[in-house]
Amino acid sequence: MADNTLFGIHANALEVRSQRMGVLASNIANASTPGFKAKDIDFQSALASLESGSGVDSGMAAATKYRVPNQPSMDGNTVELSSEQTAFAENAVQYQTTLSFLNGRIAQVTRALKGE
């Protein structure tokens, strides 16, 4: 593997997707909170930070950006519920796909260790 780890880039991808899911869930939970500013994590930027050796916290902080709403609300809240729900669903599918790949890799290693 390119980086000499068992799981390659997928372990970092899973971490970024997990962090992004938390940010998106926070946006959805605060959809009616006056003045709340929606955030999102730029997946490519966060993954590049992790791959370059940055810590999880510093990589995520640098990749976290505020969203610019298409239609801002009068109370200063920038959460657009339909956009957040769509982004959350897409991220959940991508998270599950990465997790399935990792599960397959673990099964492959387990079979190799058993000599199957």
PDB file of N, CA and C in Angstrom:
ATOM      1  N   MET A   1       0.833  -1.178   0.000  1.00  0.00           N
ATOM      2  CA  MET A   1       0.000   0.000   0.000  1.00  0.00           C
ATOM      3  C   MET A   1       0.879   1.243   0.000  1.00  0.00           C
ATOM      4  N   ALA A   2       0.340   2.322  -0.495  1.00  0.00           N
ATOM      5  CA  ALA A   2       1.127   3.534  -0.686  1.00  0.00           C
ATOM      6  C   ALA A   2       1.673   4.084   0.629  1.00  0.00           C
ATOM      7  N   ASP A   3       0.873   4.056   1.687  1.00  0.00           N
ATOM      8  CA  ASP A   3       1.341   4.645   2.943  1.00  0.00           C
ATOM      9  C   ASP A   3       1.696   3.587   3.986  1.00  0.00           C
ATOM     10  N   ASN A   4       1.854   2.345   3.549  1.00  0.00           N
ATOM     11  CA  ASN A   4       2.300   1.242   4.405  1.00  0.00           C
ATOM     12  C   ASN A   4       1.388   0.972   5.595  1.00  0.00           C
ATOM     13  N   THR A   5       0.120   1.223   5.459  1.00  0.00           N
ATOM     14  CA  THR A   5      -0.824   0.864   6.509  1.00  0.00           C
ATOM     15  C   THR A   5      -1.793  -0.169   5.964  1.00  0.00           C
ATOM     16  N   LEU A   6      -2.395  -0.888   6.842  1.00  0.00           N
ATOM     17  CA  LEU A   6      -3.314  -1.941   6.445  1.00  0.00           C
ATOM     18  C   LEU A   6      -4.549  -1.391   5.744  1.00  0.00           C
ATOM     19  N   PHE A   7      -5.049  -0.260   6.188  1.00  0.00           N
ATOM     20  CA  PHE A   7      -6.300   0.262   5.654  1.00  0.00           C
ATOM     21  C   PHE A   7      -6.118   1.416   4.675  1.00  0.00           C
ATOM     22  N   GLY A   8      -4.920   1.894   4.516  1.00  0.00           N
ATOM     23  CA  GLY A   8      -4.662   2.958   3.555  1.00  0.00           C
ATOM     24  C   GLY A   8      -5.411   4.230   3.899  1.00  0.00           C
ATOM     25  N   ILE A   9      -5.889   4.884   2.879  1.00  0.00           N
ATOM     26  CA  ILE A   9      -6.572   6.169   3.018  1.00  0.00           C
ATOM     27  C   ILE A   9      -7.960   6.020   3.656  1.00  0.00           C
ATOM     28  N   HIS A  10      -8.484   4.818   3.654  1.00  0.00           N
ATOM     29  CA  HIS A  10      -9.868   4.609   4.094  1.00  0.00           C
ATOM     30  C   HIS A  10     -10.078   4.871   5.584  1.00  0.00           C
ATOM     31  N   ALA A  11      -9.074   4.626   6.395  1.00  0.00           N
ATOM     32  CA  ALA A  11      -9.208   4.923   7.826  1.00  0.00           C
ATOM     33  C   ALA A  11      -9.372   6.423   8.043  1.00  0.00           C
ATOM     34  N   ASN A  12      -8.582   7.214   7.340  1.00  0.00           N
ATOM     35  CA  ASN A  12      -8.698   8.676   7.454  1.00  0.00           C
ATOM     36  C   ASN A  12     -10.015   9.162   6.859  1.00  0.00           C
ATOM     37  N   ALA A  13     -10.432   8.562   5.765  1.00  0.00           N
ATOM     38  CA  ALA A  13     -11.702   8.947   5.135  1.00  0.00           C
ATOM     39  C   ALA A  13     -12.863   8.691   6.091  1.00  0.00           C
ATOM     40  N   LEU A  14     -12.811   7.572   6.800  1.00  0.00           N
ATOM     41  CA  LEU A  14     -13.867   7.253   7.759  1.00  0.00           C
ATOM     42  C   LEU A  14     -13.896   8.281   8.887  1.00  0.00           C
ATOM     43  N   GLU A  15     -12.739   8.698   9.340  1.00  0.00           N
ATOM     44  CA  GLU A  15     -12.665   9.709  10.400  1.00  0.00           C
ATOM     45  C   GLU A  15     -13.258  11.039   9.932  1.00  0.00           C
ATOM     46  N   VAL A  16     -12.912  11.463   8.725  1.00  0.00           N
ATOM     47  CA  VAL A  16     -13.430  12.723   8.198  1.00  0.00           C
ATOM     48  C   VAL A  16     -14.945  12.638   8.025  1.00  0.00           C
ATOM     49  N   ARG A  17     -15.433  11.539   7.479  1.00  0.00           N
ATOM     50  CA  ARG A  17     -16.877  11.385   7.279  1.00  0.00           C
ATOM     51  C   ARG A  17     -17.610  11.377   8.615  1.00  0.00           C
ATOM     52  N   SER A  18     -17.022  10.761   9.621  1.00  0.00           N
ATOM     53  CA  SER A  18     -17.626  10.740  10.948  1.00  0.00           C
ATOM     54  C   SER A  18     -17.719  12.147  11.533  1.00  0.00           C
ATOM     55  N   GLN A  19     -16.641  12.903  11.435  1.00  0.00           N
ATOM     56  CA  GLN A  19     -16.637  14.275  11.934  1.00  0.00           C
ATOM     57  C   GLN A  19     -17.647  15.131  11.173  1.00  0.00           C
ATOM     58  N   ARG A  20     -17.713  14.939   9.849  1.00  0.00           N
ATOM     59  CA  ARG A  20     -18.645  15.721   9.036  1.00  0.00           C
ATOM     60  C   ARG A  20     -20.089  15.396   9.417  1.00  0.00           C
ATOM     61  N   MET A  21     -20.354  14.118   9.716  1.00  0.00           N
ATOM     62  CA  MET A  21     -21.704  13.737  10.111  1.00  0.00           C
ATOM     63  C   MET A  21     -22.120  14.470  11.382  1.00  0.00           C
ATOM     64  N   GLY A  22     -21.194  14.625  12.311  1.00  0.00           N
ATOM     65  CA  GLY A  22     -21.482  15.361  13.538  1.00  0.00           C
ATOM     66  C   GLY A  22     -21.779  16.830  13.289  1.00  0.00           C
ATOM     67  N   VAL A  23     -21.014  17.446  12.388  1.00  0.00           N
ATOM     68  CA  VAL A  23     -21.234  18.862  12.054  1.00  0.00           C
ATOM     69  C   VAL A  23     -22.594  19.042  11.388  1.00  0.00           C
ATOM     70  N   LEU A  24     -22.922  18.167  10.438  1.00  0.00           N
ATOM     71  CA  LEU A  24     -24.204  18.270   9.745  1.00  0.00           C
ATOM     72  C   LEU A  24     -25.376  18.010  10.703  1.00  0.00           C
ATOM     73  N   ALA A  25     -25.205  17.054  11.618  1.00  0.00           N
ATOM     74  CA  ALA A  25     -26.250  16.784  12.606  1.00  0.00           C
ATOM     75  C   ALA A  25     -26.466  17.998  13.513  1.00  0.00           C
ATOM     76  N   SER A  26     -25.380  18.671  13.864  1.00  0.00           N
ATOM     77  CA  SER A  26     -25.491  19.890  14.672  1.00  0.00           C
ATOM     78  C   SER A  26     -26.243  20.975  13.914  1.00  0.00           C
ATOM     79  N   ASN A  27     -25.984  21.103  12.627  1.00  0.00           N
ATOM     80  CA  ASN A  27     -26.711  22.078  11.810  1.00  0.00           C
ATOM     81  C   ASN A  27     -28.204  21.777  11.817  1.00  0.00           C
ATOM     82  N   ILE A  28     -28.554  20.516  11.617  1.00  0.00           N
ATOM     83  CA  ILE A  28     -29.964  20.119  11.578  1.00  0.00           C
ATOM     84  C   ILE A  28     -30.624  20.374  12.933  1.00  0.00           C
ATOM     85  N   ALA A  29     -29.916  20.046  14.008  1.00  0.00           N
ATOM     86  CA  ALA A  29     -30.471  20.237  15.349  1.00  0.00           C
ATOM     87  C   ALA A  29     -30.704  21.712  15.673  1.00  0.00           C
ATOM     88  N   ASN A  30     -29.925  22.587  15.055  1.00  0.00           N
ATOM     89  CA  ASN A  30     -30.041  24.020  15.326  1.00  0.00           C
ATOM     90  C   ASN A  30     -30.755  24.779  14.226  1.00  0.00           C
ATOM     91  N   ALA A  31     -31.579  24.091  13.460  1.00  0.00           N
ATOM     92  CA  ALA A  31     -32.267  24.712  12.325  1.00  0.00           C
ATOM     93  C   ALA A  31     -33.168  25.871  12.739  1.00  0.00           C
ATOM     94  N   SER A  32     -33.663  25.859  13.962  1.00  0.00           N
ATOM     95  CA  SER A  32     -34.551  26.942  14.392  1.00  0.00           C
ATOM     96  C   SER A  32     -33.924  27.824  15.469  1.00  0.00           C
ATOM     97  N   THR A  33     -32.629  27.723  15.664  1.00  0.00           N
ATOM     98  CA  THR A  33     -31.932  28.541  16.646  1.00  0.00           C
ATOM     99  C   THR A  33     -31.562  29.884  16.017  1.00  0.00           C
ATOM    100  N   PRO A  34     -32.101  30.978  16.548  1.00  0.00           N
ATOM    101  CA  PRO A  34     -31.784  32.293  15.969  1.00  0.00           C
ATOM    102  C   PRO A  34     -30.281  32.576  16.012  1.00  0.00           C
ATOM    103  N   GLY A  35     -29.754  33.060  14.889  1.00  0.00           N
ATOM    104  CA  GLY A  35     -28.355  33.441  14.813  1.00  0.00           C
ATOM    105  C   GLY A  35     -27.377  32.302  14.602  1.00  0.00           C
ATOM    106  N   PHE A  36     -27.854  31.070  14.523  1.00  0.00           N
ATOM    107  CA  PHE A  36     -26.936  29.935  14.333  1.00  0.00           C
ATOM    108  C   PHE A  36     -26.367  29.964  12.920  1.00  0.00           C
ATOM    109  N   LYS A  37     -25.060  29.776  12.806  1.00  0.00           N
ATOM    110  CA  LYS A  37     -24.384  29.766  11.508  1.00  0.00           C
ATOM    111  C   LYS A  37     -24.028  28.328  11.139  1.00  0.00           C
ATOM    112  N   ALA A  38     -24.575  27.858  10.031  1.00  0.00           N
ATOM    113  CA  ALA A  38     -24.326  26.494   9.571  1.00  0.00           C
ATOM    114  C   ALA A  38     -22.879  26.340   9.122  1.00  0.00           C
ATOM    115  N   LYS A  39     -22.284  25.178   9.436  1.00  0.00           N
ATOM    116  CA  LYS A  39     -20.911  24.866   9.051  1.00  0.00           C
ATOM    117  C   LYS A  39     -20.888  23.562   8.263  1.00  0.00           C
ATOM    118  N   ASP A  40     -19.790  23.341   7.583  1.00  0.00           N
ATOM    119  CA  ASP A  40     -19.570  22.081   6.887  1.00  0.00           C
ATOM    120  C   ASP A  40     -18.068  21.846   6.823  1.00  0.00           C
ATOM    121  N   ILE A  41     -17.702  20.590   6.647  1.00  0.00           N
ATOM    122  CA  ILE A  41     -16.301  20.223   6.520  1.00  0.00           C
ATOM    123  C   ILE A  41     -16.026  19.921   5.059  1.00  0.00           C
ATOM    124  N   ASP A  42     -14.999  20.566   4.506  1.00  0.00           N
ATOM    125  CA  ASP A  42     -14.563  20.289   3.146  1.00  0.00           C
ATOM    126  C   ASP A  42     -13.802  18.961   3.177  1.00  0.00           C
ATOM    127  N   PHE A  43     -14.435  17.918   2.638  1.00  0.00           N
ATOM    128  CA  PHE A  43     -13.884  16.568   2.723  1.00  0.00           C
ATOM    129  C   PHE A  43     -12.484  16.479   2.133  1.00  0.00           C
ATOM    130  N   GLN A  44     -12.293  17.007   0.939  1.00  0.00           N
ATOM    131  CA  GLN A  44     -10.999  16.911   0.261  1.00  0.00           C
ATOM    132  C   GLN A  44      -9.893  17.600   1.071  1.00  0.00           C
ATOM    133  N   SER A  45     -10.190  18.769   1.581  1.00  0.00           N
ATOM    134  CA  SER A  45      -9.213  19.522   2.358  1.00  0.00           C
ATOM    135  C   SER A  45      -8.875  18.802   3.670  1.00  0.00           C
ATOM    136  N   ALA A  46      -9.890  18.291   4.348  1.00  0.00           N
ATOM    137  CA  ALA A  46      -9.666  17.591   5.617  1.00  0.00           C
ATOM    138  C   ALA A  46      -8.869  16.308   5.402  1.00  0.00           C
ATOM    139  N   LEU A  47      -9.204  15.574   4.355  1.00  0.00           N
ATOM    140  CA  LEU A  47      -8.492  14.333   4.057  1.00  0.00           C
ATOM    141  C   LEU A  47      -7.036  14.619   3.697  1.00  0.00           C
ATOM    142  N   ALA A  48      -6.806  15.664   2.925  1.00  0.00           N
ATOM    143  CA  ALA A  48      -5.435  16.043   2.568  1.00  0.00           C
ATOM    144  C   ALA A  48      -4.642  16.422   3.818  1.00  0.00           C
ATOM    145  N   SER A  49      -5.278  17.109   4.753  1.00  0.00           N
ATOM    146  CA  SER A  49      -4.603  17.485   5.998  1.00  0.00           C
ATOM    147  C   SER A  49      -4.208  16.254   6.803  1.00  0.00           C
ATOM    148  N   LEU A  50      -5.130  15.295   6.896  1.00  0.00           N
ATOM    149  CA  LEU A  50      -4.829  14.074   7.639  1.00  0.00           C
ATOM    150  C   LEU A  50      -3.731  13.262   6.956  1.00  0.00           C
ATOM    151  N   GLU A  51      -3.769  13.198   5.640  1.00  0.00           N
ATOM    152  CA  GLU A  51      -2.764  12.448   4.897  1.00  0.00           C
ATOM    153  C   GLU A  51      -1.382  13.086   5.005  1.00  0.00           C
ATOM    154  N   SER A  52      -1.337  14.404   5.176  1.00  0.00           N
ATOM    155  CA  SER A  52      -0.049  15.087   5.285  1.00  0.00           C
ATOM    156  C   SER A  52       0.544  14.987   6.688  1.00  0.00           C
ATOM    157  N   GLY A  53      -0.207  14.391   7.606  1.00  0.00           N
ATOM    158  CA  GLY A  53       0.309  14.190   8.955  1.00  0.00           C
ATOM    159  C   GLY A  53      -0.213  15.158   9.986  1.00  0.00           C
ATOM    160  N   SER A  54      -1.111  16.042   9.610  1.00  0.00           N
ATOM    161  CA  SER A  54      -1.700  16.950  10.593  1.00  0.00           C
ATOM    162  C   SER A  54      -2.546  16.149  11.573  1.00  0.00           C
ATOM    163  N   GLY A  55      -2.707  16.670  12.751  1.00  0.00           N
ATOM    164  CA  GLY A  55      -3.570  16.022  13.726  1.00  0.00           C
ATOM    165  C   GLY A  55      -5.022  16.133  13.308  1.00  0.00           C
ATOM    166  N   VAL A  56      -5.857  15.282  13.883  1.00  0.00           N
ATOM    167  CA  VAL A  56      -7.283  15.276  13.539  1.00  0.00           C
ATOM    168  C   VAL A  56      -7.917  16.620  13.852  1.00  0.00           C
ATOM    169  N   ASP A  57      -7.645  17.156  15.031  1.00  0.00           N
ATOM    170  CA  ASP A  57      -8.269  18.425  15.435  1.00  0.00           C
ATOM    171  C   ASP A  57      -7.849  19.593  14.547  1.00  0.00           C
ATOM    172  N   SER A  58      -6.564  19.715  14.278  1.00  0.00           N
ATOM    173  CA  SER A  58      -6.112  20.836  13.455  1.00  0.00           C
ATOM    174  C   SER A  58      -6.551  20.681  12.009  1.00  0.00           C
ATOM    175  N   GLY A  59      -6.563  19.450  11.499  1.00  0.00           N
ATOM    176  CA  GLY A  59      -7.015  19.206  10.130  1.00  0.00           C
ATOM    177  C   GLY A  59      -8.484  19.509   9.943  1.00  0.00           C
ATOM    178  N   MET A  60      -9.291  19.114  10.919  1.00  0.00           N
ATOM    179  CA  MET A  60     -10.726  19.368  10.840  1.00  0.00           C
ATOM    180  C   MET A  60     -11.034  20.850  11.018  1.00  0.00           C
ATOM    181  N   ALA A  61     -10.320  21.500  11.922  1.00  0.00           N
ATOM    182  CA  ALA A  61     -10.560  22.929  12.150  1.00  0.00           C
ATOM    183  C   ALA A  61     -10.250  23.743  10.902  1.00  0.00           C
ATOM    184  N   ALA A  62      -9.183  23.379  10.208  1.00  0.00           N
ATOM    185  CA  ALA A  62      -8.814  24.117   8.997  1.00  0.00           C
ATOM    186  C   ALA A  62      -9.802  23.868   7.860  1.00  0.00           C
ATOM    187  N   ALA A  63     -10.421  22.686   7.839  1.00  0.00           N
ATOM    188  CA  ALA A  63     -11.332  22.333   6.747  1.00  0.00           C
ATOM    189  C   ALA A  63     -12.781  22.711   7.040  1.00  0.00           C
ATOM    190  N   THR A  64     -13.074  23.169   8.255  1.00  0.00           N
ATOM    191  CA  THR A  64     -14.438  23.546   8.614  1.00  0.00           C
ATOM    192  C   THR A  64     -14.711  24.974   8.170  1.00  0.00           C
ATOM    193  N   LYS A  65     -15.764  25.119   7.390  1.00  0.00           N
ATOM    194  CA  LYS A  65     -16.120  26.430   6.841  1.00  0.00           C
ATOM    195  C   LYS A  65     -17.589  26.724   7.131  1.00  0.00           C
ATOM    196  N   TYR A  66     -17.930  28.003   7.182  1.00  0.00           N
ATOM    197  CA  TYR A  66     -19.333  28.398   7.321  1.00  0.00           C
ATOM    198  C   TYR A  66     -20.014  28.298   5.971  1.00  0.00           C
ATOM    199  N   ARG A  67     -21.264  27.875   5.979  1.00  0.00           N
ATOM    200  CA  ARG A  67     -22.037  27.801   4.744  1.00  0.00           C
ATOM    201  C   ARG A  67     -22.601  29.169   4.392  1.00  0.00           C
ATOM    202  N   VAL A  68     -22.681  29.431   3.118  1.00  0.00           N
ATOM    203  CA  VAL A  68     -23.329  30.646   2.626  1.00  0.00           C
ATOM    204  C   VAL A  68     -24.728  30.224   2.184  1.00  0.00           C
ATOM    205  N   PRO A  69     -25.762  30.743   2.843  1.00  0.00           N
ATOM    206  CA  PRO A  69     -27.121  30.293   2.515  1.00  0.00           C
ATOM    207  C   PRO A  69     -27.607  30.855   1.184  1.00  0.00           C
ATOM    208  N   ASN A  70     -28.452  30.074   0.519  1.00  0.00           N
ATOM    209  CA  ASN A  70     -29.094  30.546  -0.706  1.00  0.00           C
ATOM    210  C   ASN A  70     -30.162  31.573  -0.388  1.00  0.00           C
ATOM    211  N   GLN A  71     -30.842  31.346   0.741  1.00  0.00           N
ATOM    212  CA  GLN A  71     -31.914  32.247   1.154  1.00  0.00           C
ATOM    213  C   GLN A  71     -31.824  32.441   2.670  1.00  0.00           C
ATOM    214  N   PRO A  72     -31.098  33.463   3.121  1.00  0.00           N
ATOM    215  CA  PRO A  72     -30.917  33.665   4.561  1.00  0.00           C
ATOM    216  C   PRO A  72     -32.240  33.994   5.262  1.00  0.00           C
ATOM    217  N   SER A  73     -32.325  33.579   6.508  1.00  0.00           N
ATOM    218  CA  SER A  73     -33.544  33.859   7.265  1.00  0.00           C
ATOM    219  C   SER A  73     -33.431  35.210   7.966  1.00  0.00           C
ATOM    220  N   MET A  74     -34.557  35.706   8.408  1.00  0.00           N
ATOM    221  CA  MET A  74     -34.600  37.016   9.059  1.00  0.00           C
ATOM    222  C   MET A  74     -33.932  37.009  10.435  1.00  0.00           C
ATOM    223  N   ASP A  75     -33.873  35.843  11.092  1.00  0.00           N
ATOM    224  CA  ASP A  75     -33.293  35.786  12.433  1.00  0.00           C
ATOM    225  C   ASP A  75     -31.790  35.522  12.434  1.00  0.00           C
ATOM    226  N   GLY A  76     -31.164  35.499  11.256  1.00  0.00           N
ATOM    227  CA  GLY A  76     -29.724  35.305  11.167  1.00  0.00           C
ATOM    228  C   GLY A  76     -29.272  33.865  11.114  1.00  0.00           C
ATOM    229  N   ASN A  77     -30.213  32.932  11.141  1.00  0.00           N
ATOM    230  CA  ASN A  77     -29.885  31.514  11.056  1.00  0.00           C
ATOM    231  C   ASN A  77     -29.581  31.180   9.594  1.00  0.00           C
ATOM    232  N   THR A  78     -28.471  30.485   9.339  1.00  0.00           N
ATOM    233  CA  THR A  78     -28.096  30.162   7.962  1.00  0.00           C
ATOM    234  C   THR A  78     -28.334  28.705   7.596  1.00  0.00           C
ATOM    235  N   VAL A  79     -29.022  27.953   8.452  1.00  0.00           N
ATOM    236  CA  VAL A  79     -29.308  26.549   8.169  1.00  0.00           C
ATOM    237  C   VAL A  79     -30.470  26.456   7.186  1.00  0.00           C
ATOM    238  N   GLU A  80     -30.239  25.755   6.091  1.00  0.00           N
ATOM    239  CA  GLU A  80     -31.311  25.441   5.144  1.00  0.00           C
ATOM    240  C   GLU A  80     -31.568  23.945   5.301  1.00  0.00           C
ATOM    241  N   LEU A  81     -32.663  23.614   5.965  1.00  0.00           N
ATOM    242  CA  LEU A  81     -32.922  22.256   6.403  1.00  0.00           C
ATOM    243  C   LEU A  81     -32.857  21.234   5.271  1.00  0.00           C
ATOM    244  N   SER A  82     -33.442  21.530   4.134  1.00  0.00           N
ATOM    245  CA  SER A  82     -33.431  20.550   3.043  1.00  0.00           C
ATOM    246  C   SER A  82     -32.011  20.294   2.535  1.00  0.00           C
ATOM    247  N   SER A  83     -31.204  21.336   2.449  1.00  0.00           N
ATOM    248  CA  SER A  83     -29.809  21.170   2.013  1.00  0.00           C
ATOM    249  C   SER A  83     -29.013  20.356   3.028  1.00  0.00           C
ATOM    250  N   GLU A  84     -29.233  20.628   4.296  1.00  0.00           N
ATOM    251  CA  GLU A  84     -28.522  19.901   5.352  1.00  0.00           C
ATOM    252  C   GLU A  84     -28.916  18.423   5.371  1.00  0.00           C
ATOM    253  N   GLN A  85     -30.204  18.155   5.221  1.00  0.00           N
ATOM    254  CA  GLN A  85     -30.663  16.766   5.207  1.00  0.00           C
ATOM    255  C   GLN A  85     -30.098  16.010   4.011  1.00  0.00           C
ATOM    256  N   THR A  86     -30.023  16.665   2.869  1.00  0.00           N
ATOM    257  CA  THR A  86     -29.448  16.035   1.678  1.00  0.00           C
ATOM    258  C   THR A  86     -27.965  15.753   1.884  1.00  0.00           C
ATOM    259  N   ALA A  87     -27.233  16.731   2.398  1.00  0.00           N
ATOM    260  CA  ALA A  87     -25.802  16.543   2.649  1.00  0.00           C
ATOM    261  C   ALA A  87     -25.571  15.443   3.681  1.00  0.00           C
ATOM    262  N   PHE A  88     -26.419  15.380   4.704  1.00  0.00           N
ATOM    263  CA  PHE A  88     -26.295  14.346   5.731  1.00  0.00           C
ATOM    264  C   PHE A  88     -26.524  12.966   5.129  1.00  0.00           C
ATOM    265  N   ALA A  89     -27.566  12.823   4.297  1.00  0.00           N
ATOM    266  CA  ALA A  89     -27.873  11.533   3.673  1.00  0.00           C
ATOM    267  C   ALA A  89     -26.744  11.091   2.745  1.00  0.00           C
ATOM    268  N   GLU A  90     -26.215  12.013   1.949  1.00  0.00           N
ATOM    269  CA  GLU A  90     -25.096  11.682   1.060  1.00  0.00           C
ATOM    270  C   GLU A  90     -23.880  11.252   1.860  1.00  0.00           C
ATOM    271  N   ASN A  91     -23.576  11.973   2.914  1.00  0.00           N
ATOM    272  CA  ASN A  91     -22.427  11.638   3.745  1.00  0.00           C
ATOM    273  C   ASN A  91     -22.626  10.292   4.438  1.00  0.00           C
ATOM    274  N   ALA A  92     -23.846   9.993   4.862  1.00  0.00           N
ATOM    275  CA  ALA A  92     -24.125   8.711   5.511  1.00  0.00           C
ATOM    276  C   ALA A  92     -23.899   7.550   4.548  1.00  0.00           C
ATOM    277  N   VAL A  93     -24.313   7.716   3.297  1.00  0.00           N
ATOM    278  CA  VAL A  93     -24.099   6.667   2.294  1.00  0.00           C
ATOM    279  C   VAL A  93     -22.601   6.490   2.039  1.00  0.00           C
ATOM    280  N   GLN A  94     -21.875   7.580   1.935  1.00  0.00           N
ATOM    281  CA  GLN A  94     -20.431   7.507   1.708  1.00  0.00           C
ATOM    282  C   GLN A  94     -19.718   6.900   2.915  1.00  0.00           C
ATOM    283  N   TYR A  95     -20.175   7.213   4.114  1.00  0.00           N
ATOM    284  CA  TYR A  95     -19.619   6.628   5.336  1.00  0.00           C
ATOM    285  C   TYR A  95     -19.831   5.113   5.332  1.00  0.00           C
ATOM    286  N   GLN A  96     -21.048   4.703   5.006  1.00  0.00           N
ATOM    287  CA  GLN A  96     -21.369   3.278   4.978  1.00  0.00           C
ATOM    288  C   GLN A  96     -20.547   2.541   3.920  1.00  0.00           C
ATOM    289  N   THR A  97     -20.328   3.170   2.779  1.00  0.00           N
ATOM    290  CA  THR A  97     -19.524   2.566   1.720  1.00  0.00           C
ATOM    291  C   THR A  97     -18.082   2.371   2.183  1.00  0.00           C
ATOM    292  N   THR A  98     -17.518   3.379   2.822  1.00  0.00           N
ATOM    293  CA  THR A  98     -16.157   3.276   3.337  1.00  0.00           C
ATOM    294  C   THR A  98     -16.077   2.201   4.410  1.00  0.00           C
ATOM    295  N   LEU A  99     -17.069   2.136   5.273  1.00  0.00           N
ATOM    296  CA  LEU A  99     -17.106   1.132   6.320  1.00  0.00           C
ATOM    297  C   LEU A  99     -17.211  -0.269   5.729  1.00  0.00           C
ATOM    298  N   SER A 100     -18.001  -0.431   4.692  1.00  0.00           N
ATOM    299  CA  SER A 100     -18.129  -1.737   4.028  1.00  0.00           C
ATOM    300  C   SER A 100     -16.801  -2.171   3.419  1.00  0.00           C
ATOM    301  N   PHE A 101     -16.085  -1.228   2.818  1.00  0.00           N
ATOM    302  CA  PHE A 101     -14.774  -1.554   2.270  1.00  0.00           C
ATOM    303  C   PHE A 101     -13.836  -2.019   3.370  1.00  0.00           C
ATOM    304  N   LEU A 102     -13.827  -1.300   4.485  1.00  0.00           N
ATOM    305  CA  LEU A 102     -12.949  -1.674   5.594  1.00  0.00           C
ATOM    306  C   LEU A 102     -13.329  -3.039   6.170  1.00  0.00           C
ATOM    307  N   ASN A 103     -14.617  -3.319   6.277  1.00  0.00           N
ATOM    308  CA  ASN A 103     -15.060  -4.629   6.757  1.00  0.00           C
ATOM    309  C   ASN A 103     -14.592  -5.735   5.817  1.00  0.00           C
ATOM    310  N   GLY A 104     -14.656  -5.483   4.509  1.00  0.00           N
ATOM    311  CA  GLY A 104     -14.165  -6.450   3.541  1.00  0.00           C
ATOM    312  C   GLY A 104     -12.673  -6.678   3.678  1.00  0.00           C
ATOM    313  N   ARG A 105     -11.936  -5.601   3.926  1.00  0.00           N
ATOM    314  CA  ARG A 105     -10.489  -5.708   4.105  1.00  0.00           C
ATOM    315  C   ARG A 105     -10.155  -6.508   5.365  1.00  0.00           C
ATOM    316  N   ILE A 106     -10.895  -6.284   6.436  1.00  0.00           N
ATOM    317  CA  ILE A 106     -10.687  -7.038   7.680  1.00  0.00           C
ATOM    318  C   ILE A 106     -11.002  -8.514   7.458  1.00  0.00           C
ATOM    319  N   ALA A 107     -12.069  -8.807   6.745  1.00  0.00           N
ATOM    320  CA  ALA A 107     -12.426 -10.202   6.449  1.00  0.00           C
ATOM    321  C   ALA A 107     -11.337 -10.865   5.610  1.00  0.00           C
ATOM    322  N   GLN A 108     -10.781 -10.118   4.672  1.00  0.00           N
ATOM    323  CA  GLN A 108      -9.721 -10.642   3.819  1.00  0.00           C
ATOM    324  C   GLN A 108      -8.479 -10.992   4.654  1.00  0.00           C
ATOM    325  N   VAL A 109      -8.099 -10.113   5.552  1.00  0.00           N
ATOM    326  CA  VAL A 109      -6.940 -10.360   6.404  1.00  0.00           C
ATOM    327  C   VAL A 109      -7.213 -11.532   7.341  1.00  0.00           C
ATOM    328  N   THR A 110      -8.423 -11.604   7.872  1.00  0.00           N
ATOM    329  CA  THR A 110      -8.788 -12.708   8.770  1.00  0.00           C
ATOM    330  C   THR A 110      -8.710 -14.044   8.041  1.00  0.00           C
ATOM    331  N   ARG A 111      -9.205 -14.086   6.800  1.00  0.00           N
ATOM    332  CA  ARG A 111      -9.116 -15.332   6.011  1.00  0.00           C
ATOM    333  C   ARG A 111      -7.661 -15.705   5.736  1.00  0.00           C
ATOM    334  N   ALA A 112      -6.840 -14.712   5.465  1.00  0.00           N
ATOM    335  CA  ALA A 112      -5.417 -14.968   5.214  1.00  0.00           C
ATOM    336  C   ALA A 112      -4.734 -15.518   6.452  1.00  0.00           C
ATOM    337  N   LEU A 113      -5.086 -14.980   7.609  1.00  0.00           N
ATOM    338  CA  LEU A 113      -4.493 -15.471   8.853  1.00  0.00           C
ATOM    339  C   LEU A 113      -4.925 -16.883   9.192  1.00  0.00           C
ATOM    340  N   LYS A 114      -6.164 -17.213   8.825  1.00  0.00           N
ATOM    341  CA  LYS A 114      -6.667 -18.561   9.061  1.00  0.00           C
ATOM    342  C   LYS A 114      -6.147 -19.557   8.034  1.00  0.00           C
ATOM    343  N   GLY A 115      -5.580 -19.043   6.953  1.00  0.00           N
ATOM    344  CA  GLY A 115      -5.062 -19.915   5.897  1.00  0.00           C
ATOM    345  C   GLY A 115      -6.121 -20.403   4.945  1.00  0.00           C
ATOM    346  N   GLU A 116      -7.204 -19.669   4.812  1.00  0.00           N
ATOM    347  CA  GLU A 116      -8.297 -20.067   3.901  1.00  0.00           C
ATOM    348  C   GLU A 116      -8.037 -19.612   2.499  1.00  0.00           C
TER     349      GLU A 116
END
